Amino acid sequence: MKLQLSLGLSPNPCSPRVEVRGSPPNPELRKIIEDSINGLQSGLAAGAHVIAITGSVPVDKLSIAHRIVTHLDEITNDVLEELLQEDI
């Protein structure tokens, strides 16, 4: 399945939002990239793999995510494949 990522602006102009088009129908195959506690909690509640990006929330508060990155460049295909191997 081919996914298309696009970077946009969330309601907070300082917070990036990544949209995935062609997203898998199974939540356990989805990856959510978020920088807010509410977004992280929503992604986890939806059963998705969650990647937290630092910036707007203290790092210690992001520990609920499956991965924590400081920049979107850190989210490589290898990182995404590793996430798929982990249990949610």
C-alpha atoms as a PDB file:
ATOM      1  CA  MET A   1       0.000   0.000   0.000  1.00  0.00           C
ATOM      2  CA  LYS A   2       1.411   3.374  -0.988  1.00  0.00           C
ATOM      3  CA  LEU A   3       0.937   6.249   1.435  1.00  0.00           C
ATOM      4  CA  GLN A   4       1.211   9.914   0.634  1.00  0.00           C
ATOM      5  CA  LEU A   5       2.365  12.268   3.373  1.00  0.00           C
ATOM      6  CA  SER A   6       1.719  15.984   3.309  1.00  0.00           C
ATOM      7  CA  LEU A   7       2.831  18.526   5.875  1.00  0.00           C
ATOM      8  CA  GLY A   8       0.344  21.207   6.794  1.00  0.00           C
ATOM      9  CA  LEU A   9      -0.485  23.569   9.620  1.00  0.00           C
ATOM     10  CA  SER A  10      -2.571  22.596  12.587  1.00  0.00           C
ATOM     11  CA  PRO A  11      -4.802  25.140  14.345  1.00  0.00           C
ATOM     12  CA  ASN A  12      -1.680  26.223  16.223  1.00  0.00           C
ATOM     13  CA  PRO A  13       0.614  27.670  13.513  1.00  0.00           C
ATOM     14  CA  CYS A  14       3.689  26.575  15.485  1.00  0.00           C
ATOM     15  CA  SER A  15       2.627  22.923  15.405  1.00  0.00           C
ATOM     16  CA  PRO A  16       3.117  20.798  12.276  1.00  0.00           C
ATOM     17  CA  ARG A  17       0.397  18.414  11.159  1.00  0.00           C
ATOM     18  CA  VAL A  18       1.115  15.500   8.891  1.00  0.00           C
ATOM     19  CA  GLU A  19      -1.766  14.192   6.853  1.00  0.00           C
ATOM     20  CA  VAL A  20      -1.692  10.676   5.491  1.00  0.00           C
ATOM     21  CA  ARG A  21      -3.695   9.930   2.402  1.00  0.00           C
ATOM     22  CA  GLY A  22      -4.350   6.321   1.552  1.00  0.00           C
ATOM     23  CA  SER A  23      -4.188   5.508   5.241  1.00  0.00           C
ATOM     24  CA  PRO A  24      -4.647   1.803   6.070  1.00  0.00           C
ATOM     25  CA  PRO A  25      -8.142   0.893   7.285  1.00  0.00           C
ATOM     26  CA  ASN A  26      -6.759  -1.049  10.265  1.00  0.00           C
ATOM     27  CA  PRO A  27      -5.870   1.323  13.120  1.00  0.00           C
ATOM     28  CA  GLU A  28      -2.924  -0.843  14.188  1.00  0.00           C
ATOM     29  CA  LEU A  29      -1.287  -0.100  10.820  1.00  0.00           C
ATOM     30  CA  ARG A  30      -1.708   3.668  11.177  1.00  0.00           C
ATOM     31  CA  LYS A  31       0.972   6.008  12.433  1.00  0.00           C
ATOM     32  CA  ILE A  32       0.005   9.272  14.094  1.00  0.00           C
ATOM     33  CA  ILE A  33       2.532  12.102  14.421  1.00  0.00           C
ATOM     34  CA  GLU A  34       1.526  14.554  17.134  1.00  0.00           C
ATOM     35  CA  ASP A  35       2.957  17.286  19.330  1.00  0.00           C
ATOM     36  CA  SER A  36       0.117  17.668  21.827  1.00  0.00           C
ATOM     37  CA  ILE A  37      -0.941  15.516  24.775  1.00  0.00           C
ATOM     38  CA  ASN A  38      -4.547  15.429  23.535  1.00  0.00           C
ATOM     39  CA  GLY A  39      -3.423  14.349  20.077  1.00  0.00           C
ATOM     40  CA  LEU A  40      -1.185  11.628  21.511  1.00  0.00           C
ATOM     41  CA  GLN A  41      -3.987  10.340  23.731  1.00  0.00           C
ATOM     42  CA  SER A  42      -6.439  10.358  20.813  1.00  0.00           C
ATOM     43  CA  GLY A  43      -4.044   8.431  18.597  1.00  0.00           C
ATOM     44  CA  LEU A  44      -3.424   5.858  21.304  1.00  0.00           C
ATOM     45  CA  ALA A  45      -7.157   5.544  21.994  1.00  0.00           C
ATOM     46  CA  ALA A  46      -7.711   4.928  18.279  1.00  0.00           C
ATOM     47  CA  GLY A  47      -5.263   2.024  18.450  1.00  0.00           C
ATOM     48  CA  ALA A  48      -2.608   3.635  16.245  1.00  0.00           C
ATOM     49  CA  HIS A  49       1.163   3.745  16.569  1.00  0.00           C
ATOM     50  CA  VAL A  50       1.952   7.217  17.886  1.00  0.00           C
ATOM     51  CA  ILE A  51       5.063   9.300  17.249  1.00  0.00           C
ATOM     52  CA  ALA A  52       5.522  12.389  19.407  1.00  0.00           C
ATOM     53  CA  ILE A  53       7.402  15.400  18.082  1.00  0.00           C
ATOM     54  CA  THR A  54       9.006  17.678  20.635  1.00  0.00           C
ATOM     55  CA  GLY A  55       8.523  21.396  20.818  1.00  0.00           C
ATOM     56  CA  SER A  56       5.270  22.448  22.414  1.00  0.00           C
ATOM     57  CA  VAL A  57       5.130  19.977  25.325  1.00  0.00           C
ATOM     58  CA  PRO A  58       7.878  19.034  27.820  1.00  0.00           C
ATOM     59  CA  VAL A  59       9.642  15.848  26.710  1.00  0.00           C
ATOM     60  CA  ASP A  60       8.776  13.972  29.913  1.00  0.00           C
ATOM     61  CA  LYS A  61       5.072  14.397  29.073  1.00  0.00           C
ATOM     62  CA  LEU A  62       5.565  12.729  25.664  1.00  0.00           C
ATOM     63  CA  SER A  63       6.585   9.359  27.106  1.00  0.00           C
ATOM     64  CA  ILE A  64       3.158   7.885  26.340  1.00  0.00           C
ATOM     65  CA  ALA A  65       4.108   7.806  22.647  1.00  0.00           C
ATOM     66  CA  HIS A  66       5.701   4.809  20.945  1.00  0.00           C
ATOM     67  CA  ARG A  67       8.531   7.042  19.661  1.00  0.00           C
ATOM     68  CA  ILE A  68       9.705  10.579  20.399  1.00  0.00           C
ATOM     69  CA  VAL A  69      11.488  12.650  17.734  1.00  0.00           C
ATOM     70  CA  THR A  70      12.749  16.207  17.665  1.00  0.00           C
ATOM     71  CA  HIS A  71      12.381  16.724  13.912  1.00  0.00           C
ATOM     72  CA  LEU A  72      10.258  15.192  11.170  1.00  0.00           C
ATOM     73  CA  ASP A  73      13.436  14.114   9.326  1.00  0.00           C
ATOM     74  CA  GLU A  74      13.931  11.478  12.022  1.00  0.00           C
ATOM     75  CA  ILE A  75      10.825   9.630  10.842  1.00  0.00           C
ATOM     76  CA  THR A  76      12.339   7.388   8.200  1.00  0.00           C
ATOM     77  CA  ASN A  77      10.915   4.354   6.452  1.00  0.00           C
ATOM     78  CA  ASP A  78      12.996   2.203   8.810  1.00  0.00           C
ATOM     79  CA  VAL A  79      11.409   3.862  11.861  1.00  0.00           C
ATOM     80  CA  LEU A  80       7.931   3.318  10.431  1.00  0.00           C
ATOM     81  CA  GLU A  81       8.690  -0.332   9.641  1.00  0.00           C
ATOM     82  CA  GLU A  82      10.001  -0.861  13.198  1.00  0.00           C
ATOM     83  CA  LEU A  83       6.771   0.575  14.586  1.00  0.00           C
ATOM     84  CA  LEU A  84       4.738  -1.905  12.574  1.00  0.00           C
ATOM     85  CA  GLN A  85       6.642  -4.743  14.250  1.00  0.00           C
ATOM     86  CA  GLU A  86       5.729  -3.540  17.747  1.00  0.00           C
ATOM     87  CA  ASP A  87       2.584  -4.505  19.592  1.00  0.00           C
ATOM     88  CA  ILE A  88       0.278  -1.650  20.423  1.00  0.00           C
END
